[in-house]
PDB file of N, CA and C in Angstrom:
ATOM      1  N   UNK A   1       6.874 -31.295  37.732  1.00  0.00           N
ATOM      2  CA  UNK A   1       5.551 -30.777  37.984  1.00  0.00           C
ATOM      3  C   UNK A   1       4.711 -30.949  36.718  1.00  0.00           C
ATOM      4  N   UNK A   2       3.583 -31.496  36.851  1.00  0.00           N
ATOM      5  CA  UNK A   2       2.682 -31.737  35.735  1.00  0.00           C
ATOM      6  C   UNK A   2       1.603 -30.661  35.733  1.00  0.00           C
ATOM      7  N   UNK A   3       1.443 -30.029  34.593  1.00  0.00           N
ATOM      8  CA  UNK A   3       0.417 -29.002  34.455  1.00  0.00           C
ATOM      9  C   UNK A   3      -0.605 -29.504  33.453  1.00  0.00           C
ATOM     10  N   UNK A   4      -1.844 -29.500  33.852  1.00  0.00           N
ATOM     11  CA  UNK A   4      -2.922 -29.922  32.964  1.00  0.00           C
ATOM     12  C   UNK A   4      -3.666 -28.683  32.486  1.00  0.00           C
ATOM     13  N   UNK A   5      -3.792 -28.584  31.186  1.00  0.00           N
ATOM     14  CA  UNK A   5      -4.534 -27.478  30.608  1.00  0.00           C
ATOM     15  C   UNK A   5      -5.899 -27.972  30.164  1.00  0.00           C
ATOM     16  N   UNK A   6      -6.928 -27.232  30.471  1.00  0.00           N
ATOM     17  CA  UNK A   6      -8.249 -27.669  30.002  1.00  0.00           C
ATOM     18  C   UNK A   6      -8.303 -27.602  28.482  1.00  0.00           C
ATOM     19  N   UNK A   7      -8.893 -28.618  27.888  1.00  0.00           N
ATOM     20  CA  UNK A   7      -9.069 -28.645  26.442  1.00  0.00           C
ATOM     21  C   UNK A   7     -10.438 -28.083  26.117  1.00  0.00           C
ATOM     22  N   UNK A   8     -10.454 -27.131  25.272  1.00  0.00           N
ATOM     23  CA  UNK A   8     -11.700 -26.494  24.886  1.00  0.00           C
ATOM     24  C   UNK A   8     -12.310 -27.231  23.705  1.00  0.00           C
ATOM     25  N   UNK A   9     -13.605 -27.377  23.726  1.00  0.00           N
ATOM     26  CA  UNK A   9     -14.301 -27.985  22.606  1.00  0.00           C
ATOM     27  C   UNK A   9     -14.564 -26.986  21.487  1.00  0.00           C
ATOM     28  N   UNK A  10     -14.160 -25.741  21.716  1.00  0.00           N
ATOM     29  CA  UNK A  10     -14.398 -24.700  20.721  1.00  0.00           C
ATOM     30  C   UNK A  10     -13.437 -24.845  19.556  1.00  0.00           C
ATOM     31  N   UNK A  11     -13.908 -24.508  18.404  1.00  0.00           N
ATOM     32  CA  UNK A  11     -13.045 -24.503  17.227  1.00  0.00           C
ATOM     33  C   UNK A  11     -13.020 -23.093  16.663  1.00  0.00           C
ATOM     34  N   UNK A  12     -11.950 -22.812  15.953  1.00  0.00           N
ATOM     35  CA  UNK A  12     -11.818 -21.494  15.331  1.00  0.00           C
ATOM     36  C   UNK A  12     -11.801 -21.675  13.820  1.00  0.00           C
ATOM     37  N   UNK A  13     -12.378 -20.729  13.134  1.00  0.00           N
ATOM     38  CA  UNK A  13     -12.404 -20.757  11.677  1.00  0.00           C
ATOM     39  C   UNK A  13     -11.816 -19.451  11.165  1.00  0.00           C
ATOM     40  N   UNK A  14     -10.848 -19.554  10.267  1.00  0.00           N
ATOM     41  CA  UNK A  14     -10.206 -18.391   9.679  1.00  0.00           C
ATOM     42  C   UNK A  14     -10.426 -18.439   8.171  1.00  0.00           C
ATOM     43  N   UNK A  15     -10.460 -17.270   7.539  1.00  0.00           N
ATOM     44  CA  UNK A  15     -10.689 -17.196   6.093  1.00  0.00           C
ATOM     45  C   UNK A  15      -9.643 -16.282   5.468  1.00  0.00           C
ATOM     46  N   UNK A  16      -9.111 -16.704   4.318  1.00  0.00           N
ATOM     47  CA  UNK A  16      -8.197 -15.885   3.530  1.00  0.00           C
ATOM     48  C   UNK A  16      -8.824 -15.716   2.150  1.00  0.00           C
ATOM     49  N   UNK A  17      -9.217 -14.477   1.838  1.00  0.00           N
ATOM     50  CA  UNK A  17      -9.893 -14.193   0.568  1.00  0.00           C
ATOM     51  C   UNK A  17      -9.005 -13.407  -0.392  1.00  0.00           C
ATOM     52  N   UNK A  18      -7.678 -13.406  -0.170  1.00  0.00           N
ATOM     53  CA  UNK A  18      -6.812 -12.593  -1.020  1.00  0.00           C
ATOM     54  C   UNK A  18      -6.608 -13.167  -2.412  1.00  0.00           C
ATOM     55  N   UNK A  19      -6.923 -14.441  -2.629  1.00  0.00           N
ATOM     56  CA  UNK A  19      -6.668 -15.074  -3.919  1.00  0.00           C
ATOM     57  C   UNK A  19      -7.899 -15.139  -4.821  1.00  0.00           C
ATOM     58  N   UNK A  20      -9.095 -14.981  -4.232  1.00  0.00           N
ATOM     59  CA  UNK A  20     -10.337 -15.151  -4.997  1.00  0.00           C
ATOM     60  C   UNK A  20     -11.467 -14.551  -4.170  1.00  0.00           C
ATOM     61  N   UNK A  21     -12.538 -14.110  -4.816  1.00  0.00           N
ATOM     62  CA  UNK A  21     -13.617 -13.467  -4.063  1.00  0.00           C
ATOM     63  C   UNK A  21     -14.869 -14.321  -3.910  1.00  0.00           C
ATOM     64  N   UNK A  22     -14.859 -15.541  -4.420  1.00  0.00           N
ATOM     65  CA  UNK A  22     -16.030 -16.409  -4.289  1.00  0.00           C
ATOM     66  C   UNK A  22     -15.940 -17.239  -3.013  1.00  0.00           C
ATOM     67  N   UNK A  23     -16.957 -17.150  -2.183  1.00  0.00           N
ATOM     68  CA  UNK A  23     -16.984 -17.893  -0.923  1.00  0.00           C
ATOM     69  C   UNK A  23     -17.337 -19.362  -1.113  1.00  0.00           C
ATOM     70  N   UNK A  24     -17.578 -19.784  -2.355  1.00  0.00           N
ATOM     71  CA  UNK A  24     -17.980 -21.169  -2.596  1.00  0.00           C
ATOM     72  C   UNK A  24     -16.913 -21.980  -3.323  1.00  0.00           C
ATOM     73  N   UNK A  25     -15.689 -21.401  -3.505  1.00  0.00           N
ATOM     74  CA  UNK A  25     -14.643 -22.099  -4.249  1.00  0.00           C
ATOM     75  C   UNK A  25     -13.307 -21.983  -3.523  1.00  0.00           C
ATOM     76  N   UNK A  26     -12.646 -23.125  -3.351  1.00  0.00           N
ATOM     77  CA  UNK A  26     -11.330 -23.112  -2.721  1.00  0.00           C
ATOM     78  C   UNK A  26     -11.114 -24.346  -1.879  1.00  0.00           C
ATOM     79  N   UNK A  27     -10.332 -24.161  -0.802  1.00  0.00           N
ATOM     80  CA  UNK A  27     -10.008 -25.273   0.093  1.00  0.00           C
ATOM     81  C   UNK A  27     -10.228 -24.866   1.541  1.00  0.00           C
ATOM     82  N   UNK A  28     -10.506 -25.865   2.364  1.00  0.00           N
ATOM     83  CA  UNK A  28     -10.587 -25.704   3.808  1.00  0.00           C
ATOM     84  C   UNK A  28      -9.571 -26.669   4.398  1.00  0.00           C
ATOM     85  N   UNK A  29      -8.589 -26.143   5.132  1.00  0.00           N
ATOM     86  CA  UNK A  29      -7.585 -26.973   5.785  1.00  0.00           C
ATOM     87  C   UNK A  29      -8.001 -27.121   7.245  1.00  0.00           C
ATOM     88  N   UNK A  30      -8.109 -28.364   7.714  1.00  0.00           N
ATOM     89  CA  UNK A  30      -8.600 -28.636   9.070  1.00  0.00           C
ATOM     90  C   UNK A  30      -7.533 -29.300   9.920  1.00  0.00           C
ATOM     91  N   UNK A  31      -7.415 -28.843  11.159  1.00  0.00           N
ATOM     92  CA  UNK A  31      -6.537 -29.470  12.149  1.00  0.00           C
ATOM     93  C   UNK A  31      -7.411 -30.048  13.250  1.00  0.00           C
ATOM     94  N   UNK A  32      -7.642 -31.338  13.195  1.00  0.00           N
ATOM     95  CA  UNK A  32      -8.468 -32.007  14.207  1.00  0.00           C
ATOM     96  C   UNK A  32      -7.641 -32.463  15.396  1.00  0.00           C
ATOM     97  N   UNK A  33      -6.328 -32.268  15.328  1.00  0.00           N
ATOM     98  CA  UNK A  33      -5.430 -32.716  16.392  1.00  0.00           C
ATOM     99  C   UNK A  33      -5.439 -31.796  17.604  1.00  0.00           C
ATOM    100  N   UNK A  34      -4.593 -32.147  18.574  1.00  0.00           N
ATOM    101  CA  UNK A  34      -4.504 -31.402  19.817  1.00  0.00           C
ATOM    102  C   UNK A  34      -3.299 -30.466  19.853  1.00  0.00           C
ATOM    103  N   UNK A  35      -2.498 -30.446  18.786  1.00  0.00           N
ATOM    104  CA  UNK A  35      -1.314 -29.594  18.729  1.00  0.00           C
ATOM    105  C   UNK A  35      -1.386 -28.683  17.504  1.00  0.00           C
ATOM    106  N   UNK A  36      -0.786 -27.487  17.604  1.00  0.00           N
ATOM    107  CA  UNK A  36      -0.712 -26.627  16.415  1.00  0.00           C
ATOM    108  C   UNK A  36       0.134 -27.300  15.339  1.00  0.00           C
ATOM    109  N   UNK A  37      -0.208 -27.077  14.083  1.00  0.00           N
ATOM    110  CA  UNK A  37       0.541 -27.634  12.948  1.00  0.00           C
ATOM    111  C   UNK A  37       0.839 -26.517  11.958  1.00  0.00           C
ATOM    112  N   UNK A  38       2.099 -26.413  11.544  1.00  0.00           N
ATOM    113  CA  UNK A  38       2.492 -25.443  10.534  1.00  0.00           C
ATOM    114  C   UNK A  38       2.578 -26.142   9.195  1.00  0.00           C
ATOM    115  N   UNK A  39       2.025 -25.498   8.173  1.00  0.00           N
ATOM    116  CA  UNK A  39       2.130 -26.064   6.829  1.00  0.00           C
ATOM    117  C   UNK A  39       2.544 -24.978   5.853  1.00  0.00           C
ATOM    118  N   UNK A  40       3.111 -25.422   4.745  1.00  0.00           N
ATOM    119  CA  UNK A  40       3.517 -24.551   3.643  1.00  0.00           C
ATOM    120  C   UNK A  40       2.789 -25.058   2.401  1.00  0.00           C
ATOM    121  N   UNK A  41       2.253 -24.143   1.615  1.00  0.00           N
ATOM    122  CA  UNK A  41       1.558 -24.550   0.396  1.00  0.00           C
ATOM    123  C   UNK A  41       1.711 -23.473  -0.667  1.00  0.00           C
ATOM    124  N   UNK A  42       1.765 -23.930  -1.903  1.00  0.00           N
ATOM    125  CA  UNK A  42       1.750 -23.029  -3.056  1.00  0.00           C
ATOM    126  C   UNK A  42       0.413 -23.182  -3.752  1.00  0.00           C
ATOM    127  N   UNK A  43      -0.093 -22.075  -4.294  1.00  0.00           N
ATOM    128  CA  UNK A  43      -1.338 -22.084  -5.039  1.00  0.00           C
ATOM    129  C   UNK A  43      -1.008 -21.631  -6.453  1.00  0.00           C
ATOM    130  N   UNK A  44      -1.011 -22.564  -7.403  1.00  0.00           N
ATOM    131  CA  UNK A  44      -0.664 -22.254  -8.785  1.00  0.00           C
ATOM    132  C   UNK A  44      -1.945 -22.082  -9.587  1.00  0.00           C
ATOM    133  N   UNK A  45      -2.278 -20.832  -9.854  1.00  0.00           N
ATOM    134  CA  UNK A  45      -3.508 -20.500 -10.555  1.00  0.00           C
ATOM    135  C   UNK A  45      -3.362 -20.784 -12.036  1.00  0.00           C
ATOM    136  N   UNK A  46      -4.363 -21.413 -12.593  1.00  0.00           N
ATOM    137  CA  UNK A  46      -4.386 -21.719 -14.016  1.00  0.00           C
ATOM    138  C   UNK A  46      -4.201 -20.438 -14.817  1.00  0.00           C
ATOM    139  N   UNK A  47      -3.271 -20.450 -15.750  1.00  0.00           N
ATOM    140  CA  UNK A  47      -3.056 -19.298 -16.611  1.00  0.00           C
ATOM    141  C   UNK A  47      -1.924 -18.385 -16.178  1.00  0.00           C
ATOM    142  N   UNK A  48      -1.352 -18.571 -14.978  1.00  0.00           N
ATOM    143  CA  UNK A  48      -0.216 -17.753 -14.555  1.00  0.00           C
ATOM    144  C   UNK A  48       1.050 -18.400 -15.091  1.00  0.00           C
ATOM    145  N   UNK A  49       1.636 -17.774 -16.088  1.00  0.00           N
ATOM    146  CA  UNK A  49       2.805 -18.341 -16.772  1.00  0.00           C
ATOM    147  C   UNK A  49       4.127 -17.861 -16.173  1.00  0.00           C
ATOM    148  N   UNK A  50       4.133 -16.661 -15.578  1.00  0.00           N
ATOM    149  CA  UNK A  50       5.352 -16.083 -15.044  1.00  0.00           C
ATOM    150  C   UNK A  50       5.788 -16.853 -13.792  1.00  0.00           C
ATOM    151  N   UNK A  51       6.941 -17.545 -13.865  1.00  0.00           N
ATOM    152  CA  UNK A  51       7.407 -18.377 -12.752  1.00  0.00           C
ATOM    153  C   UNK A  51       7.607 -17.560 -11.479  1.00  0.00           C
ATOM    154  N   UNK A  52       8.108 -16.334 -11.599  1.00  0.00           N
ATOM    155  CA  UNK A  52       8.336 -15.509 -10.415  1.00  0.00           C
ATOM    156  C   UNK A  52       7.014 -15.187  -9.715  1.00  0.00           C
ATOM    157  N   UNK A  53       5.977 -14.835 -10.480  1.00  0.00           N
ATOM    158  CA  UNK A  53       4.668 -14.571  -9.883  1.00  0.00           C
ATOM    159  C   UNK A  53       4.101 -15.842  -9.253  1.00  0.00           C
ATOM    160  N   UNK A  54       4.294 -16.967  -9.915  1.00  0.00           N
ATOM    161  CA  UNK A  54       3.772 -18.242  -9.396  1.00  0.00           C
ATOM    162  C   UNK A  54       4.447 -18.628  -8.088  1.00  0.00           C
ATOM    163  N   UNK A  55       5.741 -18.306  -7.929  1.00  0.00           N
ATOM    164  CA  UNK A  55       6.454 -18.635  -6.704  1.00  0.00           C
ATOM    165  C   UNK A  55       5.929 -17.852  -5.514  1.00  0.00           C
ATOM    166  N   UNK A  56       5.252 -16.754  -5.743  1.00  0.00           N
ATOM    167  CA  UNK A  56       4.815 -15.891  -4.654  1.00  0.00           C
ATOM    168  C   UNK A  56       3.324 -15.992  -4.353  1.00  0.00           C
ATOM    169  N   UNK A  57       2.698 -17.079  -4.746  1.00  0.00           N
ATOM    170  CA  UNK A  57       1.289 -17.285  -4.413  1.00  0.00           C
ATOM    171  C   UNK A  57       1.180 -18.533  -3.555  1.00  0.00           C
ATOM    172  N   UNK A  58       0.856 -18.335  -2.301  1.00  0.00           N
ATOM    173  CA  UNK A  58       0.747 -19.456  -1.390  1.00  0.00           C
ATOM    174  C   UNK A  58       0.780 -18.983   0.042  1.00  0.00           C
ATOM    175  N   UNK A  59       1.159 -19.890   0.942  1.00  0.00           N
ATOM    176  CA  UNK A  59       1.072 -19.556   2.353  1.00  0.00           C
ATOM    177  C   UNK A  59       2.018 -20.387   3.200  1.00  0.00           C
ATOM    178  N   UNK A  60       2.377 -19.829   4.327  1.00  0.00           N
ATOM    179  CA  UNK A  60       2.920 -20.561   5.479  1.00  0.00           C
ATOM    180  C   UNK A  60       1.943 -20.217   6.589  1.00  0.00           C
ATOM    181  N   UNK A  61       1.381 -21.233   7.234  1.00  0.00           N
ATOM    182  CA  UNK A  61       0.347 -20.966   8.217  1.00  0.00           C
ATOM    183  C   UNK A  61       0.455 -21.963   9.360  1.00  0.00           C
ATOM    184  N   UNK A  62       0.310 -21.477  10.578  1.00  0.00           N
ATOM    185  CA  UNK A  62       0.246 -22.348  11.745  1.00  0.00           C
ATOM    186  C   UNK A  62      -1.210 -22.440  12.157  1.00  0.00           C
ATOM    187  N   UNK A  63      -1.736 -23.642  12.017  1.00  0.00           N
ATOM    188  CA  UNK A  63      -3.154 -23.888  12.297  1.00  0.00           C
ATOM    189  C   UNK A  63      -3.292 -24.429  13.714  1.00  0.00           C
ATOM    190  N   UNK A  64      -4.075 -23.727  14.509  1.00  0.00           N
ATOM    191  CA  UNK A  64      -4.279 -24.126  15.904  1.00  0.00           C
ATOM    192  C   UNK A  64      -5.107 -25.403  15.988  1.00  0.00           C
ATOM    193  N   UNK A  65      -5.040 -26.097  17.135  1.00  0.00           N
ATOM    194  CA  UNK A  65      -5.839 -27.318  17.303  1.00  0.00           C
ATOM    195  C   UNK A  65      -7.330 -27.043  17.137  1.00  0.00           C
ATOM    196  N   UNK A  66      -8.012 -28.010  16.573  1.00  0.00           N
ATOM    197  CA  UNK A  66      -9.472 -27.946  16.386  1.00  0.00           C
ATOM    198  C   UNK A  66      -9.889 -26.700  15.619  1.00  0.00           C
ATOM    199  N   UNK A  67      -9.088 -26.323  14.617  1.00  0.00           N
ATOM    200  CA  UNK A  67      -9.356 -25.116  13.844  1.00  0.00           C
ATOM    201  C   UNK A  67      -9.316 -25.417  12.352  1.00  0.00           C
ATOM    202  N   UNK A  68      -9.854 -24.467  11.590  1.00  0.00           N
ATOM    203  CA  UNK A  68      -9.781 -24.549  10.129  1.00  0.00           C
ATOM    204  C   UNK A  68      -9.331 -23.213   9.580  1.00  0.00           C
ATOM    205  N   UNK A  69      -8.742 -23.271   8.389  1.00  0.00           N
ATOM    206  CA  UNK A  69      -8.472 -22.058   7.625  1.00  0.00           C
ATOM    207  C   UNK A  69      -8.979 -22.327   6.211  1.00  0.00           C
ATOM    208  N   UNK A  70      -9.715 -21.369   5.678  1.00  0.00           N
ATOM    209  CA  UNK A  70     -10.287 -21.477   4.342  1.00  0.00           C
ATOM    210  C   UNK A  70      -9.564 -20.514   3.415  1.00  0.00           C
ATOM    211  N   UNK A  71      -9.169 -21.019   2.258  1.00  0.00           N
ATOM    212  CA  UNK A  71      -8.578 -20.184   1.213  1.00  0.00           C
ATOM    213  C   UNK A  71      -9.531 -20.202   0.031  1.00  0.00           C
ATOM    214  N   UNK A  72     -10.044 -19.028  -0.336  1.00  0.00           N
ATOM    215  CA  UNK A  72     -10.853 -18.933  -1.544  1.00  0.00           C
ATOM    216  C   UNK A  72      -9.899 -18.918  -2.729  1.00  0.00           C
ATOM    217  N   UNK A  73     -10.052 -19.886  -3.629  1.00  0.00           N
ATOM    218  CA  UNK A  73      -9.164 -20.056  -4.777  1.00  0.00           C
ATOM    219  C   UNK A  73      -9.990 -20.275  -6.034  1.00  0.00           C
ATOM    220  N   UNK A  74      -9.560 -19.716  -7.161  1.00  0.00           N
ATOM    221  CA  UNK A  74     -10.303 -19.928  -8.401  1.00  0.00           C
ATOM    222  C   UNK A  74     -10.281 -21.392  -8.831  1.00  0.00           C
ATOM    223  N   UNK A  75     -11.302 -21.837  -9.558  1.00  0.00           N
ATOM    224  CA  UNK A  75     -11.298 -23.201 -10.087  1.00  0.00           C
ATOM    225  C   UNK A  75     -10.057 -23.413 -10.962  1.00  0.00           C
ATOM    226  N   UNK A  76      -9.494 -24.603 -10.882  1.00  0.00           N
ATOM    227  CA  UNK A  76      -8.320 -24.924 -11.679  1.00  0.00           C
ATOM    228  C   UNK A  76      -7.002 -24.578 -11.007  1.00  0.00           C
ATOM    229  N   UNK A  77      -7.055 -24.139  -9.743  1.00  0.00           N
ATOM    230  CA  UNK A  77      -5.825 -23.838  -9.005  1.00  0.00           C
ATOM    231  C   UNK A  77      -5.224 -25.130  -8.465  1.00  0.00           C
ATOM    232  N   UNK A  78      -3.935 -25.347  -8.726  1.00  0.00           N
ATOM    233  CA  UNK A  78      -3.222 -26.500  -8.167  1.00  0.00           C
ATOM    234  C   UNK A  78      -2.760 -26.146  -6.761  1.00  0.00           C
ATOM    235  N   UNK A  79      -3.083 -27.010  -5.802  1.00  0.00           N
ATOM    236  CA  UNK A  79      -2.616 -26.850  -4.427  1.00  0.00           C
ATOM    237  C   UNK A  79      -1.433 -27.792  -4.257  1.00  0.00           C
ATOM    238  N   UNK A  80      -0.276 -27.212  -3.920  1.00  0.00           N
ATOM    239  CA  UNK A  80       0.979 -27.942  -3.821  1.00  0.00           C
ATOM    240  C   UNK A  80       1.509 -27.829  -2.394  1.00  0.00           C
ATOM    241  N   UNK A  81       1.750 -28.951  -1.723  1.00  0.00           N
ATOM    242  CA  UNK A  81       2.393 -28.938  -0.403  1.00  0.00           C
ATOM    243  C   UNK A  81       3.896 -28.823  -0.601  1.00  0.00           C
ATOM    244  N   UNK A  82       4.550 -28.040   0.257  1.00  0.00           N
ATOM    245  CA  UNK A  82       6.008 -27.927   0.207  1.00  0.00           C
ATOM    246  C   UNK A  82       6.574 -28.214   1.597  1.00  0.00           C
ATOM    247  N   UNK A  83       7.870 -28.547   1.640  1.00  0.00           N
ATOM    248  CA  UNK A  83       8.487 -28.840   2.938  1.00  0.00           C
ATOM    249  C   UNK A  83       9.199 -27.630   3.533  1.00  0.00           C
ATOM    250  N   UNK A  84       8.931 -26.456   3.022  1.00  0.00           N
ATOM    251  CA  UNK A  84       9.532 -25.238   3.566  1.00  0.00           C
ATOM    252  C   UNK A  84       9.123 -24.041   2.737  1.00  0.00           C
ATOM    253  N   UNK A  85       9.779 -22.915   3.003  1.00  0.00           N
ATOM    254  CA  UNK A  85       9.431 -21.688   2.291  1.00  0.00           C
ATOM    255  C   UNK A  85       9.703 -21.849   0.809  1.00  0.00           C
ATOM    256  N   UNK A  86       8.900 -21.208   0.003  1.00  0.00           N
ATOM    257  CA  UNK A  86       8.956 -21.368  -1.441  1.00  0.00           C
ATOM    258  C   UNK A  86       9.138 -20.027  -2.132  1.00  0.00           C
ATOM    259  N   UNK A  87       8.898 -18.925  -1.423  1.00  0.00           N
ATOM    260  CA  UNK A  87       8.927 -17.621  -2.070  1.00  0.00           C
ATOM    261  C   UNK A  87      10.364 -17.140  -2.237  1.00  0.00           C
ATOM    262  N   UNK A  88      10.539 -16.132  -3.088  1.00  0.00           N
ATOM    263  CA  UNK A  88      11.865 -15.612  -3.379  1.00  0.00           C
ATOM    264  C   UNK A  88      12.406 -14.808  -2.201  1.00  0.00           C
ATOM    265  N   UNK A  89      13.541 -15.225  -1.696  1.00  0.00           N
ATOM    266  CA  UNK A  89      14.282 -14.536  -0.644  1.00  0.00           C
ATOM    267  C   UNK A  89      15.578 -14.031  -1.262  1.00  0.00           C
ATOM    268  N   UNK A  90      16.408 -13.332  -0.479  1.00  0.00           N
ATOM    269  CA  UNK A  90      17.732 -13.021  -1.029  1.00  0.00           C
ATOM    270  C   UNK A  90      18.466 -14.295  -1.469  1.00  0.00           C
ATOM    271  N   UNK A  91      18.244 -15.390  -0.759  1.00  0.00           N
ATOM    272  CA  UNK A  91      18.773 -16.700  -1.146  1.00  0.00           C
ATOM    273  C   UNK A  91      17.562 -17.585  -1.429  1.00  0.00           C
ATOM    274  N   UNK A  92      17.107 -17.660  -2.674  1.00  0.00           N
ATOM    275  CA  UNK A  92      15.873 -18.411  -2.955  1.00  0.00           C
ATOM    276  C   UNK A  92      15.923 -19.847  -2.436  1.00  0.00           C
ATOM    277  N   UNK A  93      14.789 -20.284  -1.980  1.00  0.00           N
ATOM    278  CA  UNK A  93      14.633 -21.630  -1.445  1.00  0.00           C
ATOM    279  C   UNK A  93      13.867 -22.480  -2.467  1.00  0.00           C
ATOM    280  N   UNK A  94      14.313 -23.694  -2.662  1.00  0.00           N
ATOM    281  CA  UNK A  94      13.631 -24.615  -3.581  1.00  0.00           C
ATOM    282  C   UNK A  94      13.275 -25.890  -2.821  1.00  0.00           C
ATOM    283  N   UNK A  95      12.150 -25.867  -2.116  1.00  0.00           N
ATOM    284  CA  UNK A  95      11.783 -27.017  -1.283  1.00  0.00           C
ATOM    285  C   UNK A  95      11.239 -28.188  -2.107  1.00  0.00           C
ATOM    286  N   UNK A  96      11.129 -29.305  -1.427  1.00  0.00           N
ATOM    287  CA  UNK A  96      10.432 -30.450  -2.010  1.00  0.00           C
ATOM    288  C   UNK A  96       8.957 -30.071  -2.142  1.00  0.00           C
ATOM    289  N   UNK A  97       8.305 -30.594  -3.171  1.00  0.00           N
ATOM    290  CA  UNK A  97       6.902 -30.283  -3.407  1.00  0.00           C
ATOM    291  C   UNK A  97       6.116 -31.550  -3.709  1.00  0.00           C
ATOM    292  N   UNK A  98       4.799 -31.490  -3.407  1.00  0.00           N
ATOM    293  CA  UNK A  98       3.910 -32.611  -3.715  1.00  0.00           C
ATOM    294  C   UNK A  98       2.544 -32.060  -4.093  1.00  0.00           C
ATOM    295  N   UNK A  99       2.030 -32.461  -5.239  1.00  0.00           N
ATOM    296  CA  UNK A  99       0.704 -32.046  -5.685  1.00  0.00           C
ATOM    297  C   UNK A  99      -0.345 -32.640  -4.749  1.00  0.00           C
ATOM    298  N   UNK A 100      -1.308 -31.805  -4.315  1.00  0.00           N
ATOM    299  CA  UNK A 100      -2.374 -32.266  -3.428  1.00  0.00           C
ATOM    300  C   UNK A 100      -3.697 -32.396  -4.177  1.00  0.00           C
ATOM    301  N   UNK A 101      -4.141 -31.320  -4.823  1.00  0.00           N
ATOM    302  CA  UNK A 101      -5.419 -31.369  -5.540  1.00  0.00           C
ATOM    303  C   UNK A 101      -5.552 -30.185  -6.468  1.00  0.00           C
ATOM    304  N   UNK A 102      -6.567 -30.261  -7.304  1.00  0.00           N
ATOM    305  CA  UNK A 102      -6.938 -29.184  -8.213  1.00  0.00           C
ATOM    306  C   UNK A 102      -8.309 -28.681  -7.766  1.00  0.00           C
ATOM    307  N   UNK A 103      -8.425 -27.368  -7.535  1.00  0.00           N
ATOM    308  CA  UNK A 103      -9.706 -26.836  -7.073  1.00  0.00           C
ATOM    309  C   UNK A 103     -10.767 -26.937  -8.160  1.00  0.00           C
ATOM    310  N   UNK A 104     -12.032 -26.983  -7.725  1.00  0.00           N
ATOM    311  CA  UNK A 104     -13.147 -27.164  -8.637  1.00  0.00           C
ATOM    312  C   UNK A 104     -14.135 -26.014  -8.513  1.00  0.00           C
ATOM    313  N   UNK A 105     -14.900 -25.788  -9.557  1.00  0.00           N
ATOM    314  CA  UNK A 105     -15.921 -24.741  -9.549  1.00  0.00           C
ATOM    315  C   UNK A 105     -17.009 -25.062  -8.523  1.00  0.00           C
ATOM    316  N   UNK A 106     -17.413 -24.055  -7.778  1.00  0.00           N
ATOM    317  CA  UNK A 106     -18.514 -24.148  -6.812  1.00  0.00           C
ATOM    318  C   UNK A 106     -18.324 -25.212  -5.747  1.00  0.00           C
ATOM    319  N   UNK A 107     -17.061 -25.470  -5.347  1.00  0.00           N
ATOM    320  CA  UNK A 107     -16.790 -26.444  -4.284  1.00  0.00           C
ATOM    321  C   UNK A 107     -15.707 -25.925  -3.355  1.00  0.00           C
ATOM    322  N   UNK A 108     -15.933 -26.108  -2.060  1.00  0.00           N
ATOM    323  CA  UNK A 108     -14.901 -25.921  -1.057  1.00  0.00           C
ATOM    324  C   UNK A 108     -14.426 -27.322  -0.675  1.00  0.00           C
ATOM    325  N   UNK A 109     -13.196 -27.659  -1.033  1.00  0.00           N
ATOM    326  CA  UNK A 109     -12.654 -28.994  -0.796  1.00  0.00           C
ATOM    327  C   UNK A 109     -11.895 -29.016   0.522  1.00  0.00           C
ATOM    328  N   UNK A 110     -12.155 -30.024   1.353  1.00  0.00           N
ATOM    329  CA  UNK A 110     -11.506 -30.108   2.663  1.00  0.00           C
ATOM    330  C   UNK A 110     -10.229 -30.937   2.587  1.00  0.00           C
ATOM    331  N   UNK A 111      -9.205 -30.441   3.272  1.00  0.00           N
ATOM    332  CA  UNK A 111      -7.905 -31.106   3.359  1.00  0.00           C
ATOM    333  C   UNK A 111      -7.536 -31.191   4.833  1.00  0.00           C
ATOM    334  N   UNK A 112      -7.079 -32.346   5.285  1.00  0.00           N
ATOM    335  CA  UNK A 112      -6.534 -32.465   6.640  1.00  0.00           C
ATOM    336  C   UNK A 112      -5.139 -31.847   6.641  1.00  0.00           C
ATOM    337  N   UNK A 113      -4.804 -31.103   7.698  1.00  0.00           N
ATOM    338  CA  UNK A 113      -3.514 -30.433   7.745  1.00  0.00           C
ATOM    339  C   UNK A 113      -2.362 -31.434   7.578  1.00  0.00           C
ATOM    340  N   UNK A 114      -2.553 -32.656   8.025  1.00  0.00           N
ATOM    341  CA  UNK A 114      -1.531 -33.700   7.870  1.00  0.00           C
ATOM    342  C   UNK A 114      -1.236 -34.036   6.413  1.00  0.00           C
ATOM    343  N   UNK A 115      -2.217 -33.838   5.532  1.00  0.00           N
ATOM    344  CA  UNK A 115      -2.002 -34.094   4.114  1.00  0.00           C
ATOM    345  C   UNK A 115      -1.034 -33.094   3.489  1.00  0.00           C
ATOM    346  N   UNK A 116      -0.849 -31.940   4.130  1.00  0.00           N
ATOM    347  CA  UNK A 116       0.066 -30.920   3.636  1.00  0.00           C
ATOM    348  C   UNK A 116       1.470 -31.052   4.243  1.00  0.00           C
ATOM    349  N   UNK A 117       1.629 -31.998   5.177  1.00  0.00           N
ATOM    350  CA  UNK A 117       2.922 -32.170   5.859  1.00  0.00           C
ATOM    351  C   UNK A 117       3.839 -33.101   5.091  1.00  0.00           C
ATOM    352  N   UNK A 118       5.127 -32.914   5.317  1.00  0.00           N
ATOM    353  CA  UNK A 118       6.132 -33.819   4.744  1.00  0.00           C
ATOM    354  C   UNK A 118       6.680 -34.706   5.830  1.00  0.00           C
TER     355      UNK A 118
END
């Protein structure tokens, strides 16, 4: 049996302001596809030297089709894609990582969700 679901032209926009309070600095991750995509990313803020604190700044997020999520991040934050969880668990995980970009002052930089995938 084939079930056809209507595709909505509507898009959703989500915002995460826990890392920075400026609405003009950070990244926007966009999913232009027709399927949800899960991504993992670390946000390494310039000046954070403590490795344990650095391991706990980031996200795992499932982005719905035709949606965006915005992360307000201070200038100089390194955005790192990972292939799995990165935070400290009872059994710490050390995933593969790839540098994506460095945030800039007064800019919201757009990233396709596929750029964060492994």
